[in-house]
Amino acid sequence: MLKNLKPIVGISVGDPNGIGIEVILKSLKDPSVLEKCFVVVFSNFELIQNQMRFFNIHLPLKEVDDFNSFDSRCVNIYSINNNEITVSHGKLTDKGGHYSRDSLFKAVKALKNKSIDALVTGPINKKNIQSDDFQFKGHTDFLDNEFKGKSLMFMVSKDIKVALLTEHIPLSSVKDHLNENLIEFRIKQVFKSLLSDFGIKRPKVAVLSIDPHVGDQGVIGNDDEKLLKPVLNKLMAESHDIKGPFASDSFFGSHSYKNFDAIVAIYHDQGLIPFKTLTFGKGVNFTAGLDIVRTSPDHGTAYDISGKNIANYDSFKSAIFTSIEIVKNRGKN
């Protein structure tokens, strides 16, 4: 019955020693969040209470142990364990990593069981979340394995959306990962996401070049001619509104990105540097291409400011609202 009223958004808290809980609590202070969705935070109830006192934040809480007793007027806390957790703001600790892993596991289980409609993940540290039986490269790889899919890293905001052909790999390995099948698959994922997740009926997509200056007619390189242009021509022939490749050094500074609904970058920093420069603090990381909805803020644990009550929570709040938007758009299709 709850699902017919409004979406249920689950939140994993991430590393409790980082800024995750702070930005979660500050985001939930906005009354429009609880107006638009049911919220369930996967955490120890006492931990949330203690952090509310620490940051002088007042929220209505309810501790729940099943998914049929949510209170729309409260932030529902689904206890992940009964172990006491001591917060050490700004410290990289094994206990912090274990706790972030427990919260993520519980939240993903709920997502699998369709007990929640979307998951917003708090920032983790990739070092302390590791264990002997859990080798964690990142949320994206973890969710791909859990949901048997091949996701797309899609950085989104109100004004710009950037998708990545390749993600967290060394720059020296980028060309080894590129092939026509991957390029076509990723670009088609972008079009599908723009249609089904963001409700854009006739999406326009730009693609950045592999080599600087699109190779300068072979002077710098011919990877765009060999790999990229044949795929783009094929997609154009299939009536996809796509243009490129564009030289990335001038594409953003000239505001050309404003003419497109999304931009496809070849590698991580080519897309993420301009995206974060333009949107930092408000951007959202969306794991597109899977049957589930997962978003996260565009920042990490920020140990250097943890516990100082100065963390910007706009990105986390945007991640919540983006997840709601995507759930609703998928329900229309």
C-alpha atoms as a PDB file:
ATOM      1  CA  MET A   1       0.000   0.000   0.000  1.00  0.00           C
ATOM      2  CA  LEU A   2       2.875   2.357   0.785  1.00  0.00           C
ATOM      3  CA  LYS A   3       4.235   2.080  -2.750  1.00  0.00           C
ATOM      4  CA  ASN A   4       0.955   3.424  -4.123  1.00  0.00           C
ATOM      5  CA  LEU A   5       1.251   6.547  -2.010  1.00  0.00           C
ATOM      6  CA  LYS A   6       4.800   7.719  -2.664  1.00  0.00           C
ATOM      7  CA  PRO A   7       8.237   6.180  -3.228  1.00  0.00           C
ATOM      8  CA  ILE A   8      10.189   4.561  -0.416  1.00  0.00           C
ATOM      9  CA  VAL A   9      13.763   5.847  -0.455  1.00  0.00           C
ATOM     10  CA  GLY A  10      16.371   3.885   1.482  1.00  0.00           C
ATOM     11  CA  ILE A  11      19.595   5.510   2.657  1.00  0.00           C
ATOM     12  CA  SER A  12      22.834   3.741   3.532  1.00  0.00           C
ATOM     13  CA  VAL A  13      24.871   5.916   5.889  1.00  0.00           C
ATOM     14  CA  GLY A  14      28.373   5.290   4.565  1.00  0.00           C
ATOM     15  CA  ASP A  15      31.380   5.772   6.823  1.00  0.00           C
ATOM     16  CA  PRO A  16      30.131   7.240  10.146  1.00  0.00           C
ATOM     17  CA  ASN A  17      33.495   8.978  10.605  1.00  0.00           C
ATOM     18  CA  GLY A  18      33.002  11.025   7.445  1.00  0.00           C
ATOM     19  CA  ILE A  19      30.412  13.661   6.598  1.00  0.00           C
ATOM     20  CA  GLY A  20      27.786  11.139   5.470  1.00  0.00           C
ATOM     21  CA  ILE A  21      25.491  11.218   8.491  1.00  0.00           C
ATOM     22  CA  GLU A  22      25.809  14.989   8.758  1.00  0.00           C
ATOM     23  CA  VAL A  23      24.666  15.601   5.163  1.00  0.00           C
ATOM     24  CA  ILE A  24      21.933  12.961   5.499  1.00  0.00           C
ATOM     25  CA  LEU A  25      20.454  14.606   8.590  1.00  0.00           C
ATOM     26  CA  LYS A  26      20.738  18.109   7.162  1.00  0.00           C
ATOM     27  CA  SER A  27      19.046  16.990   3.932  1.00  0.00           C
ATOM     28  CA  LEU A  28      16.179  15.423   5.851  1.00  0.00           C
ATOM     29  CA  LYS A  29      15.538  18.703   7.649  1.00  0.00           C
ATOM     30  CA  ASP A  30      13.928  19.933   4.434  1.00  0.00           C
ATOM     31  CA  PRO A  31      10.208  19.192   4.971  1.00  0.00           C
ATOM     32  CA  SER A  32       9.675  18.642   1.240  1.00  0.00           C
ATOM     33  CA  VAL A  33      11.705  15.417   1.450  1.00  0.00           C
ATOM     34  CA  LEU A  34       9.194  13.682   3.717  1.00  0.00           C
ATOM     35  CA  GLU A  35       6.377  15.196   1.675  1.00  0.00           C
ATOM     36  CA  LYS A  36       7.647  13.488  -1.470  1.00  0.00           C
ATOM     37  CA  CYS A  37       8.781  10.098  -0.137  1.00  0.00           C
ATOM     38  CA  PHE A  38       8.995   7.686   2.761  1.00  0.00           C
ATOM     39  CA  VAL A  39      12.521   7.695   4.157  1.00  0.00           C
ATOM     40  CA  VAL A  40      14.235   4.719   5.777  1.00  0.00           C
ATOM     41  CA  VAL A  41      17.817   5.039   6.998  1.00  0.00           C
ATOM     42  CA  PHE A  42      19.773   1.820   7.508  1.00  0.00           C
ATOM     43  CA  SER A  43      21.614   2.509  10.728  1.00  0.00           C
ATOM     44  CA  ASN A  44      21.856   1.985  14.451  1.00  0.00           C
ATOM     45  CA  PHE A  45      19.079   4.066  16.058  1.00  0.00           C
ATOM     46  CA  GLU A  46      21.282   5.312  18.888  1.00  0.00           C
ATOM     47  CA  LEU A  47      23.970   6.408  16.422  1.00  0.00           C
ATOM     48  CA  ILE A  48      21.497   8.631  14.587  1.00  0.00           C
ATOM     49  CA  GLN A  49      20.202  10.072  17.852  1.00  0.00           C
ATOM     50  CA  ASN A  50      23.734  10.837  19.048  1.00  0.00           C
ATOM     51  CA  GLN A  51      24.684  12.530  15.784  1.00  0.00           C
ATOM     52  CA  MET A  52      21.497  14.610  15.838  1.00  0.00           C
ATOM     53  CA  ARG A  53      22.499  15.899  19.268  1.00  0.00           C
ATOM     54  CA  PHE A  54      26.077  16.489  18.137  1.00  0.00           C
ATOM     55  CA  PHE A  55      24.978  18.602  15.147  1.00  0.00           C
ATOM     56  CA  ASN A  56      22.025  20.150  16.993  1.00  0.00           C
ATOM     57  CA  ILE A  57      19.543  18.817  14.445  1.00  0.00           C
ATOM     58  CA  HIS A  58      15.960  17.989  15.381  1.00  0.00           C
ATOM     59  CA  LEU A  59      14.059  15.404  13.364  1.00  0.00           C
ATOM     60  CA  PRO A  60      11.143  13.092  14.166  1.00  0.00           C
ATOM     61  CA  LEU A  61      12.517   9.539  14.294  1.00  0.00           C
ATOM     62  CA  LYS A  62      10.916   6.126  14.389  1.00  0.00           C
ATOM     63  CA  GLU A  63      12.771   2.856  14.885  1.00  0.00           C
ATOM     64  CA  VAL A  64      11.339   0.099  12.673  1.00  0.00           C
ATOM     65  CA  ASP A  65      12.128  -3.579  12.297  1.00  0.00           C
ATOM     66  CA  ASP A  66       9.965  -4.370   9.266  1.00  0.00           C
ATOM     67  CA  PHE A  67       8.929  -2.639   6.062  1.00  0.00           C
ATOM     68  CA  ASN A  68       5.233  -2.364   6.815  1.00  0.00           C
ATOM     69  CA  SER A  69       5.369   0.037   9.717  1.00  0.00           C
ATOM     70  CA  PHE A  70       6.872   3.161   8.173  1.00  0.00           C
ATOM     71  CA  ASP A  71       5.596   6.499   9.415  1.00  0.00           C
ATOM     72  CA  SER A  72       5.365   9.155   6.699  1.00  0.00           C
ATOM     73  CA  ARG A  73       5.788  11.885   9.322  1.00  0.00           C
ATOM     74  CA  CYS A  74       9.122  10.501  10.553  1.00  0.00           C
ATOM     75  CA  VAL A  75      12.565   9.518   9.458  1.00  0.00           C
ATOM     76  CA  ASN A  76      12.358   5.762   9.818  1.00  0.00           C
ATOM     77  CA  ILE A  77      15.488   4.044  11.146  1.00  0.00           C
ATOM     78  CA  TYR A  78      15.897   0.387  10.220  1.00  0.00           C
ATOM     79  CA  SER A  79      18.433  -0.999  12.669  1.00  0.00           C
ATOM     80  CA  ILE A  80      21.291  -2.816  10.991  1.00  0.00           C
ATOM     81  CA  ASN A  81      22.732  -4.267  14.219  1.00  0.00           C
ATOM     82  CA  ASN A  82      22.706  -3.753  17.967  1.00  0.00           C
ATOM     83  CA  ASN A  83      26.422  -3.076  18.243  1.00  0.00           C
ATOM     84  CA  GLU A  84      27.441   0.196  19.824  1.00  0.00           C
ATOM     85  CA  ILE A  85      29.399   2.395  17.425  1.00  0.00           C
ATOM     86  CA  THR A  86      31.690   5.171  18.596  1.00  0.00           C
ATOM     87  CA  VAL A  87      32.176   7.920  16.043  1.00  0.00           C
ATOM     88  CA  SER A  88      35.697   9.214  15.481  1.00  0.00           C
ATOM     89  CA  HIS A  89      35.162  12.131  13.135  1.00  0.00           C
ATOM     90  CA  GLY A  90      37.828  12.413  10.478  1.00  0.00           C
ATOM     91  CA  LYS A  91      39.482   9.092  11.318  1.00  0.00           C
ATOM     92  CA  LEU A  92      39.973   6.137   8.980  1.00  0.00           C
ATOM     93  CA  THR A  93      39.074   3.149  11.169  1.00  0.00           C
ATOM     94  CA  ASP A  94      38.271  -0.499  10.584  1.00  0.00           C
ATOM     95  CA  LYS A  95      35.053  -0.162  12.594  1.00  0.00           C
ATOM     96  CA  GLY A  96      33.920   2.699  10.384  1.00  0.00           C
ATOM     97  CA  GLY A  97      34.449   0.544   7.314  1.00  0.00           C
ATOM     98  CA  HIS A  98      32.630  -2.428   8.833  1.00  0.00           C
ATOM     99  CA  TYR A  99      29.702  -0.229   9.733  1.00  0.00           C
ATOM    100  CA  SER A 100      29.428   1.289   6.256  1.00  0.00           C
ATOM    101  CA  ARG A 101      29.494  -2.229   4.802  1.00  0.00           C
ATOM    102  CA  ASP A 102      26.735  -3.449   7.157  1.00  0.00           C
ATOM    103  CA  SER A 103      24.519  -0.495   6.248  1.00  0.00           C
ATOM    104  CA  LEU A 104      25.077  -1.021   2.521  1.00  0.00           C
ATOM    105  CA  PHE A 105      24.383  -4.780   2.726  1.00  0.00           C
ATOM    106  CA  LYS A 106      21.086  -4.249   4.563  1.00  0.00           C
ATOM    107  CA  ALA A 107      19.988  -1.534   2.162  1.00  0.00           C
ATOM    108  CA  VAL A 108      20.834  -3.567  -0.952  1.00  0.00           C
ATOM    109  CA  LYS A 109      18.972  -6.561   0.451  1.00  0.00           C
ATOM    110  CA  ALA A 110      15.900  -4.359   0.861  1.00  0.00           C
ATOM    111  CA  LEU A 111      16.351  -3.090  -2.691  1.00  0.00           C
ATOM    112  CA  LYS A 112      16.536  -6.661  -3.983  1.00  0.00           C
ATOM    113  CA  ASN A 113      13.375  -7.592  -2.115  1.00  0.00           C
ATOM    114  CA  LYS A 114      11.632  -4.471  -3.463  1.00  0.00           C
ATOM    115  CA  SER A 115      11.037  -3.304   0.099  1.00  0.00           C
ATOM    116  CA  ILE A 116      12.376   0.078  -1.002  1.00  0.00           C
ATOM    117  CA  ASP A 117      12.014   1.770  -4.380  1.00  0.00           C
ATOM    118  CA  ALA A 118      15.359   3.550  -4.516  1.00  0.00           C
ATOM    119  CA  LEU A 119      18.677   3.643  -2.704  1.00  0.00           C
ATOM    120  CA  VAL A 120      20.746   6.725  -1.922  1.00  0.00           C
ATOM    121  CA  THR A 121      24.221   5.769  -0.719  1.00  0.00           C
ATOM    122  CA  GLY A 122      26.258   7.790   1.734  1.00  0.00           C
ATOM    123  CA  PRO A 123      29.980   8.182   0.971  1.00  0.00           C
ATOM    124  CA  ILE A 124      32.297   5.302   1.869  1.00  0.00           C
ATOM    125  CA  ASN A 125      36.059   4.916   2.006  1.00  0.00           C
ATOM    126  CA  LYS A 126      37.252   2.207  -0.372  1.00  0.00           C
ATOM    127  CA  LYS A 127      40.139   1.256   1.905  1.00  0.00           C
ATOM    128  CA  ASN A 128      38.423   0.478   5.204  1.00  0.00           C
ATOM    129  CA  ILE A 129      35.311  -1.117   3.702  1.00  0.00           C
ATOM    130  CA  GLN A 130      37.436  -4.012   2.418  1.00  0.00           C
ATOM    131  CA  SER A 131      37.533  -7.346   4.201  1.00  0.00           C
ATOM    132  CA  ASP A 132      38.942 -10.820   3.561  1.00  0.00           C
ATOM    133  CA  ASP A 133      35.671 -11.899   1.955  1.00  0.00           C
ATOM    134  CA  PHE A 134      34.609  -8.565   0.462  1.00  0.00           C
ATOM    135  CA  GLN A 135      36.750  -6.938  -2.208  1.00  0.00           C
ATOM    136  CA  PHE A 136      35.101  -3.593  -2.915  1.00  0.00           C
ATOM    137  CA  LYS A 137      36.066  -1.472  -5.922  1.00  0.00           C
ATOM    138  CA  GLY A 138      33.128   0.883  -5.567  1.00  0.00           C
ATOM    139  CA  HIS A 139      29.354   1.055  -5.369  1.00  0.00           C
ATOM    140  CA  THR A 140      28.986   0.700  -9.154  1.00  0.00           C
ATOM    141  CA  ASP A 141      30.914  -2.578  -9.423  1.00  0.00           C
ATOM    142  CA  PHE A 142      29.201  -3.922  -6.316  1.00  0.00           C
ATOM    143  CA  LEU A 143      25.720  -3.169  -7.645  1.00  0.00           C
ATOM    144  CA  ASP A 144      26.582  -4.622 -11.070  1.00  0.00           C
ATOM    145  CA  ASN A 145      27.445  -7.910  -9.366  1.00  0.00           C
ATOM    146  CA  GLU A 146      24.446  -7.874  -7.046  1.00  0.00           C
ATOM    147  CA  PHE A 147      21.918  -7.110  -9.777  1.00  0.00           C
ATOM    148  CA  LYS A 148      23.589  -9.003 -12.631  1.00  0.00           C
ATOM    149  CA  GLY A 149      23.834  -6.042 -14.960  1.00  0.00           C
ATOM    150  CA  LYS A 150      26.210  -3.657 -16.664  1.00  0.00           C
ATOM    151  CA  SER A 151      25.635  -0.177 -15.359  1.00  0.00           C
ATOM    152  CA  LEU A 152      26.517   3.242 -16.664  1.00  0.00           C
ATOM    153  CA  MET A 153      28.099   5.943 -14.516  1.00  0.00           C
ATOM    154  CA  PHE A 154      25.893   8.959 -15.187  1.00  0.00           C
ATOM    155  CA  MET A 155      26.651  12.245 -13.447  1.00  0.00           C
ATOM    156  CA  VAL A 156      23.549  14.399 -13.500  1.00  0.00           C
ATOM    157  CA  SER A 157      22.384  17.828 -12.428  1.00  0.00           C
ATOM    158  CA  LYS A 158      19.700  20.268 -13.454  1.00  0.00           C
ATOM    159  CA  ASP A 159      21.910  21.895 -16.093  1.00  0.00           C
ATOM    160  CA  ILE A 160      24.258  19.169 -17.323  1.00  0.00           C
ATOM    161  CA  LYS A 161      24.461  15.373 -17.574  1.00  0.00           C
ATOM    162  CA  VAL A 162      27.720  13.533 -18.271  1.00  0.00           C
ATOM    163  CA  ALA A 163      28.037   9.790 -18.950  1.00  0.00           C
ATOM    164  CA  LEU A 164      31.304   7.856 -19.033  1.00  0.00           C
ATOM    165  CA  LEU A 165      32.455   5.271 -21.573  1.00  0.00           C
ATOM    166  CA  THR A 166      35.146   4.107 -19.157  1.00  0.00           C
ATOM    167  CA  GLU A 167      35.267   4.709 -15.427  1.00  0.00           C
ATOM    168  CA  HIS A 168      37.854   4.073 -12.711  1.00  0.00           C
ATOM    169  CA  ILE A 169      40.774   2.826 -14.780  1.00  0.00           C
ATOM    170  CA  PRO A 170      44.260   4.262 -15.349  1.00  0.00           C
ATOM    171  CA  LEU A 171      44.533   6.730 -18.215  1.00  0.00           C
ATOM    172  CA  SER A 172      47.115   4.456 -19.837  1.00  0.00           C
ATOM    173  CA  SER A 173      44.467   1.698 -20.097  1.00  0.00           C
ATOM    174  CA  VAL A 174      41.633   3.720 -21.629  1.00  0.00           C
ATOM    175  CA  LYS A 175      42.328   2.888 -25.285  1.00  0.00           C
ATOM    176  CA  ASP A 176      42.708  -0.801 -24.441  1.00  0.00           C
ATOM    177  CA  HIS A 177      39.162  -0.811 -23.088  1.00  0.00           C
ATOM    178  CA  LEU A 178      37.595   0.928 -26.061  1.00  0.00           C
ATOM    179  CA  ASN A 179      35.973  -0.953 -28.920  1.00  0.00           C
ATOM    180  CA  GLU A 180      33.023  -0.322 -31.217  1.00  0.00           C
ATOM    181  CA  ASN A 181      30.709  -2.680 -29.314  1.00  0.00           C
ATOM    182  CA  LEU A 182      31.361  -0.945 -25.989  1.00  0.00           C
ATOM    183  CA  ILE A 183      30.961   2.524 -27.487  1.00  0.00           C
ATOM    184  CA  GLU A 184      27.644   1.632 -29.127  1.00  0.00           C
ATOM    185  CA  PHE A 185      26.351  -0.122 -26.009  1.00  0.00           C
ATOM    186  CA  ARG A 186      27.194   2.777 -23.690  1.00  0.00           C
ATOM    187  CA  ILE A 187      25.751   5.446 -25.962  1.00  0.00           C
ATOM    188  CA  LYS A 188      22.519   3.495 -26.365  1.00  0.00           C
ATOM    189  CA  GLN A 189      22.358   3.221 -22.570  1.00  0.00           C
ATOM    190  CA  VAL A 190      22.541   7.017 -22.394  1.00  0.00           C
ATOM    191  CA  PHE A 191      19.637   7.442 -24.808  1.00  0.00           C
ATOM    192  CA  LYS A 192      17.568   4.843 -22.974  1.00  0.00           C
ATOM    193  CA  SER A 193      18.208   6.500 -19.604  1.00  0.00           C
ATOM    194  CA  LEU A 194      17.332   9.960 -20.899  1.00  0.00           C
ATOM    195  CA  LEU A 195      14.040   8.567 -22.188  1.00  0.00           C
ATOM    196  CA  SER A 196      12.983   6.311 -19.322  1.00  0.00           C
ATOM    197  CA  ASP A 197      14.678   7.899 -16.299  1.00  0.00           C
ATOM    198  CA  PHE A 198      14.437  11.594 -17.116  1.00  0.00           C
ATOM    199  CA  GLY A 199      11.424  11.718 -19.425  1.00  0.00           C
ATOM    200  CA  ILE A 200      13.259  13.413 -22.313  1.00  0.00           C
ATOM    201  CA  LYS A 201      11.342  12.314 -25.405  1.00  0.00           C
ATOM    202  CA  ARG A 202      13.813  13.396 -28.108  1.00  0.00           C
ATOM    203  CA  PRO A 203      17.215  13.423 -26.419  1.00  0.00           C
ATOM    204  CA  LYS A 204      20.199  15.116 -27.986  1.00  0.00           C
ATOM    205  CA  VAL A 205      23.603  13.663 -27.123  1.00  0.00           C
ATOM    206  CA  ALA A 206      27.146  14.920 -27.731  1.00  0.00           C
ATOM    207  CA  VAL A 207      30.259  12.731 -27.702  1.00  0.00           C
ATOM    208  CA  LEU A 208      33.731  13.987 -26.807  1.00  0.00           C
ATOM    209  CA  SER A 209      36.799  12.920 -28.755  1.00  0.00           C
ATOM    210  CA  ILE A 210      39.331  10.273 -27.824  1.00  0.00           C
ATOM    211  CA  ASP A 211      42.373  12.236 -29.005  1.00  0.00           C
ATOM    212  CA  PRO A 212      43.009  15.953 -28.366  1.00  0.00           C
ATOM    213  CA  HIS A 213      41.530  18.188 -31.101  1.00  0.00           C
ATOM    214  CA  VAL A 214      39.831  15.070 -32.566  1.00  0.00           C
ATOM    215  CA  GLY A 215      43.278  13.996 -33.725  1.00  0.00           C
ATOM    216  CA  ASP A 216      43.935  17.095 -35.861  1.00  0.00           C
ATOM    217  CA  GLN A 217      43.329  15.091 -39.056  1.00  0.00           C
ATOM    218  CA  GLY A 218      45.719  12.354 -37.994  1.00  0.00           C
ATOM    219  CA  VAL A 219      48.561  14.584 -36.797  1.00  0.00           C
ATOM    220  CA  ILE A 220      47.886  13.737 -33.124  1.00  0.00           C
ATOM    221  CA  GLY A 221      46.073  10.430 -33.588  1.00  0.00           C
ATOM    222  CA  ASN A 222      43.463   8.535 -35.584  1.00  0.00           C
ATOM    223  CA  ASP A 223      41.479   6.819 -32.830  1.00  0.00           C
ATOM    224  CA  ASP A 224      38.414   8.966 -33.450  1.00  0.00           C
ATOM    225  CA  GLU A 225      38.417   8.097 -37.152  1.00  0.00           C
ATOM    226  CA  LYS A 226      38.917   4.392 -36.504  1.00  0.00           C
ATOM    227  CA  LEU A 227      36.763   3.794 -33.433  1.00  0.00           C
ATOM    228  CA  LEU A 228      34.377   6.615 -32.723  1.00  0.00           C
ATOM    229  CA  LYS A 229      33.101   8.014 -36.000  1.00  0.00           C
ATOM    230  CA  PRO A 230      31.923   4.676 -37.462  1.00  0.00           C
ATOM    231  CA  VAL A 231      29.750   4.100 -34.380  1.00  0.00           C
ATOM    232  CA  LEU A 232      28.372   7.637 -34.430  1.00  0.00           C
ATOM    233  CA  ASN A 233      27.533   7.334 -38.127  1.00  0.00           C
ATOM    234  CA  LYS A 234      25.718   4.068 -37.471  1.00  0.00           C
ATOM    235  CA  LEU A 235      23.694   5.588 -34.643  1.00  0.00           C
ATOM    236  CA  MET A 236      22.841   8.636 -36.749  1.00  0.00           C
ATOM    237  CA  ALA A 237      21.574   6.300 -39.477  1.00  0.00           C
ATOM    238  CA  GLU A 238      19.351   4.692 -36.831  1.00  0.00           C
ATOM    239  CA  SER A 239      17.808   8.126 -36.131  1.00  0.00           C
ATOM    240  CA  HIS A 240      19.640   8.841 -32.888  1.00  0.00           C
ATOM    241  CA  ASP A 241      20.175  12.590 -32.457  1.00  0.00           C
ATOM    242  CA  ILE A 242      23.885  12.453 -31.756  1.00  0.00           C
ATOM    243  CA  LYS A 243      26.790  14.694 -32.699  1.00  0.00           C
ATOM    244  CA  GLY A 244      30.542  14.581 -32.354  1.00  0.00           C
ATOM    245  CA  PRO A 245      33.242  13.864 -31.675  1.00  0.00           C
ATOM    246  CA  PHE A 246      33.945  17.233 -30.088  1.00  0.00           C
ATOM    247  CA  ALA A 247      37.309  18.438 -28.794  1.00  0.00           C
ATOM    248  CA  SER A 248      36.822  18.521 -25.030  1.00  0.00           C
ATOM    249  CA  ASP A 249      39.216  21.427 -24.376  1.00  0.00           C
ATOM    250  CA  SER A 250      36.768  23.948 -25.855  1.00  0.00           C
ATOM    251  CA  PHE A 251      33.436  22.136 -25.590  1.00  0.00           C
ATOM    252  CA  PHE A 252      32.589  23.225 -22.069  1.00  0.00           C
ATOM    253  CA  GLY A 253      34.214  26.655 -22.042  1.00  0.00           C
ATOM    254  CA  SER A 254      32.245  27.618 -25.162  1.00  0.00           C
ATOM    255  CA  HIS A 255      29.012  26.513 -23.440  1.00  0.00           C
ATOM    256  CA  SER A 256      28.355  24.025 -26.253  1.00  0.00           C
ATOM    257  CA  TYR A 257      27.197  21.532 -23.634  1.00  0.00           C
ATOM    258  CA  LYS A 258      24.053  23.613 -23.161  1.00  0.00           C
ATOM    259  CA  ASN A 259      22.834  22.484 -26.586  1.00  0.00           C
ATOM    260  CA  PHE A 260      22.607  18.841 -25.508  1.00  0.00           C
ATOM    261  CA  ASP A 261      20.697  16.739 -23.001  1.00  0.00           C
ATOM    262  CA  ALA A 262      23.788  14.670 -22.200  1.00  0.00           C
ATOM    263  CA  ILE A 263      27.480  14.460 -22.998  1.00  0.00           C
ATOM    264  CA  VAL A 264      29.394  11.203 -23.339  1.00  0.00           C
ATOM    265  CA  ALA A 265      32.993  11.429 -22.120  1.00  0.00           C
ATOM    266  CA  ILE A 266      35.617   8.875 -23.067  1.00  0.00           C
ATOM    267  CA  TYR A 267      37.303   8.587 -19.677  1.00  0.00           C
ATOM    268  CA  HIS A 268      36.740   9.585 -16.062  1.00  0.00           C
ATOM    269  CA  ASP A 269      38.538  12.916 -15.721  1.00  0.00           C
ATOM    270  CA  GLN A 270      37.574  14.132 -19.194  1.00  0.00           C
ATOM    271  CA  GLY A 271      33.956  14.168 -18.019  1.00  0.00           C
ATOM    272  CA  LEU A 272      34.187  14.596 -14.261  1.00  0.00           C
ATOM    273  CA  ILE A 273      36.504  17.613 -14.124  1.00  0.00           C
ATOM    274  CA  PRO A 274      34.163  19.889 -16.119  1.00  0.00           C
ATOM    275  CA  PHE A 275      31.075  18.386 -14.494  1.00  0.00           C
ATOM    276  CA  LYS A 276      32.283  19.018 -10.965  1.00  0.00           C
ATOM    277  CA  THR A 277      33.664  22.428 -11.884  1.00  0.00           C
ATOM    278  CA  LEU A 278      30.233  23.465 -13.120  1.00  0.00           C
ATOM    279  CA  THR A 279      28.076  21.713 -10.500  1.00  0.00           C
ATOM    280  CA  PHE A 280      30.186  20.870  -7.451  1.00  0.00           C
ATOM    281  CA  GLY A 281      28.028  20.539  -4.378  1.00  0.00           C
ATOM    282  CA  LYS A 282      24.868  19.955  -6.407  1.00  0.00           C
ATOM    283  CA  GLY A 283      25.739  17.104  -8.757  1.00  0.00           C
ATOM    284  CA  VAL A 284      24.457  13.556  -8.412  1.00  0.00           C
ATOM    285  CA  ASN A 285      26.040  10.225  -9.302  1.00  0.00           C
ATOM    286  CA  PHE A 286      23.334   8.015 -10.841  1.00  0.00           C
ATOM    287  CA  THR A 287      23.948   4.331 -11.536  1.00  0.00           C
ATOM    288  CA  ALA A 288      22.043   4.029 -14.811  1.00  0.00           C
ATOM    289  CA  GLY A 289      21.448   0.884 -16.848  1.00  0.00           C
ATOM    290  CA  LEU A 290      20.189  -1.360 -14.026  1.00  0.00           C
ATOM    291  CA  ASP A 291      16.652  -2.336 -13.081  1.00  0.00           C
ATOM    292  CA  ILE A 292      17.090  -0.601  -9.720  1.00  0.00           C
ATOM    293  CA  VAL A 293      17.505   3.075  -8.830  1.00  0.00           C
ATOM    294  CA  ARG A 294      20.623   4.176  -6.977  1.00  0.00           C
ATOM    295  CA  THR A 295      21.991   7.671  -6.565  1.00  0.00           C
ATOM    296  CA  SER A 296      24.692   9.246  -4.430  1.00  0.00           C
ATOM    297  CA  PRO A 297      26.243  12.679  -3.797  1.00  0.00           C
ATOM    298  CA  ASP A 298      29.141  13.854  -5.922  1.00  0.00           C
ATOM    299  CA  HIS A 299      31.612  13.900  -3.007  1.00  0.00           C
ATOM    300  CA  GLY A 300      33.420  11.491  -0.714  1.00  0.00           C
ATOM    301  CA  THR A 301      33.812  11.122   3.046  1.00  0.00           C
ATOM    302  CA  ALA A 302      35.619  14.493   3.425  1.00  0.00           C
ATOM    303  CA  TYR A 303      37.399  13.477   6.620  1.00  0.00           C
ATOM    304  CA  ASP A 304      39.090  16.895   6.731  1.00  0.00           C
ATOM    305  CA  ILE A 305      35.808  18.659   7.589  1.00  0.00           C
ATOM    306  CA  SER A 306      33.997  15.804   9.345  1.00  0.00           C
ATOM    307  CA  GLY A 307      32.505  16.809  12.684  1.00  0.00           C
ATOM    308  CA  LYS A 308      32.941  20.540  12.044  1.00  0.00           C
ATOM    309  CA  ASN A 309      29.286  21.077  11.117  1.00  0.00           C
ATOM    310  CA  ILE A 310      30.202  22.842   7.878  1.00  0.00           C
ATOM    311  CA  ALA A 311      29.520  20.145   5.243  1.00  0.00           C
ATOM    312  CA  ASN A 312      27.459  21.227   2.237  1.00  0.00           C
ATOM    313  CA  TYR A 313      24.458  18.922   1.951  1.00  0.00           C
ATOM    314  CA  ASP A 314      23.010  20.183  -1.370  1.00  0.00           C
ATOM    315  CA  SER A 315      24.414  17.260  -3.351  1.00  0.00           C
ATOM    316  CA  PHE A 316      22.962  14.655  -0.993  1.00  0.00           C
ATOM    317  CA  LYS A 317      19.559  16.341  -1.014  1.00  0.00           C
ATOM    318  CA  SER A 318      19.730  16.462  -4.825  1.00  0.00           C
ATOM    319  CA  ALA A 319      20.512  12.744  -4.824  1.00  0.00           C
ATOM    320  CA  ILE A 320      17.307  12.079  -2.856  1.00  0.00           C
ATOM    321  CA  PHE A 321      15.144  14.194  -5.163  1.00  0.00           C
ATOM    322  CA  THR A 322      16.765  12.704  -8.279  1.00  0.00           C
ATOM    323  CA  SER A 323      15.996   9.180  -7.066  1.00  0.00           C
ATOM    324  CA  ILE A 324      12.347  10.161  -6.538  1.00  0.00           C
ATOM    325  CA  GLU A 325      12.190  11.691 -10.014  1.00  0.00           C
ATOM    326  CA  ILE A 326      13.609   8.559 -11.647  1.00  0.00           C
ATOM    327  CA  VAL A 327      11.266   6.207  -9.767  1.00  0.00           C
ATOM    328  CA  LYS A 328       8.278   8.266 -10.887  1.00  0.00           C
ATOM    329  CA  ASN A 329       9.461   8.533 -14.491  1.00  0.00           C
ATOM    330  CA  ARG A 330      10.015   4.776 -14.696  1.00  0.00           C
ATOM    331  CA  GLY A 331       6.498   4.259 -13.362  1.00  0.00           C
ATOM    332  CA  LYS A 332       5.117   6.261 -16.284  1.00  0.00           C
ATOM    333  CA  ASN A 333       6.791   4.037 -18.903  1.00  0.00           C
END
